[in-house]
């Protein structure tokens, strides 16, 4: 299990690696590591590798994981409002009881992931991929999910209130108690066959 001092040194080396165009410093590379109650607030961890690692009760507010490899990572009770996950690989990951409002996860992939009790409200998540994933008690309130894909996923108690669902792919999705009130969709949004658009409260966006 990493200490805060050990992690700080690794982050310092990683940030030097970024600034010096990989000619100096060392890339942050942690595989199957355990981080508990550590502070990564406002850190630039672009292109970091934390494959298979577990972060529990850590602080990741405004942490930048742009283009990072976070496959099979576990986030448990993490405070990560404003986190940047754009173009990151989060396949086979587990998110439980996390706050991730106002975050950016543009083009991030969550293939076969488990996401439970996570609040993504007010986040930019265009082209995000939640394919073959299991989402339960997840909030996407006022999120931009345009061109996202939830194909072949299970959505239980998911709140899309006010979200932009333009061109979103919900094909072969199992939906249980999802909320679509005031969510926007367009003619390219793909809905599951059992959805009644007249009853869910979504709004057609005429473009």
Foldseek 3Di string as FASTA:
>chain_A
DDDQVRVVQQLVLQVVCVVVVNPGGDQAAAEQAEAEQYEPDCGENDQHEHHLYEYAQYEAALYEHHLYEHDNYEYHLYEYAQYEQDNYEHENYEYENYEHEQYEHALYEHHQYEHENYEHDNYEHEQYEQECYEYENYEDALYAHALYEHHLYEYAQYECHNYEQELYECENYHYHNYAQAQYEYEPNRHHYPPDDPVPRNYDYDDD
